[in-house]
Amino acid sequence: MENTLHHQLKEIFREKDAPIEVKLGRYRIDVINGKRLVEIQRSGLSSIRDKIRNLCDQGYLVDVVKPVVARKQLVKLTRKNGKVESERWSPKRGTILDFFDELVYFTRVFPHPNLTMIVPLIEVQEIRYPGQGRKRWRRKGNFLVKDRKILDVHETYEFSKVSDIQKLIPKLPREFDTADLAKALQIKRWEAQKIAYVMRKTGCAKEVGKRGNAILCRMATRKEAAAELKVKNVARRKTLRDVRAAIA
């Protein structure tokens, strides 16, 4: 069942009178804004990877809306339809860098000439009640989520090309490793390793060698990024032809 958060996102990114929940071939599309298909994805990007790649390769213009939770208010009920027992703000804060946690699983799709990733930073309210659900291990304090809703939208980022990713990265040495990246972004090195992986796989950065066991990279130029995208597109078209030939 659709929760409030998903419904709100559809309304936020839906143009006036745009159709929703439209069947297109074997897929269901959340919103169609003119010539652009809009996919709202609250959960992991990996689950829609093939769908989005197929739609883009078929020539459709696709916007994928993937929110990042910047702040969360936790509301605890006494039971599923009970009274509010407590309210508090989670100490965990999200940033746009959390988007890389999902982009790690989407580098075979992004960048694509027909694809735009839209990332709103949102403040949400999560309503919980005591329960175990299908959890194998039952313990005190387990809960189920009744609903999630948006309280505020802080900022919205758009990514359609690798230079949009490069804009998030502070000034680095010409050749850098994940230690340099972690220092520049003020994050842990294992977090920087995921970001560096995305940068390499999307063509945002080029691998140039090693420093000890660490991979050395440099930022790709616009020409290099375009060449990388061209190679990806040729590979995509070949795969699509092979699939069609196998079906025929």
Foldseek 3Di string as FASTA:
>chain_A
DDFAAQVVVLVVPEDPPWDAQPDDPPDTFGTDDPQETEAEDADAPLVCQVVLQVCVLVPGQYEYEYEDEQWEKEWEAAALPHDTPDIDIDPDGDDPLVVLVRLLNRLLRPQGQRYKYKYWHFYKYWYWYDDDPPPPDDDPPDIDTNHMHTPDTDDMAMDRFLVSVVVVFPDFPQKDWLVRRCVRVVHDSVSSVSVVSSCPSQQQWDFDQDDVPTTIIGGHDPVSNVVVNVVSSVVSVVVVVVVVVVVD
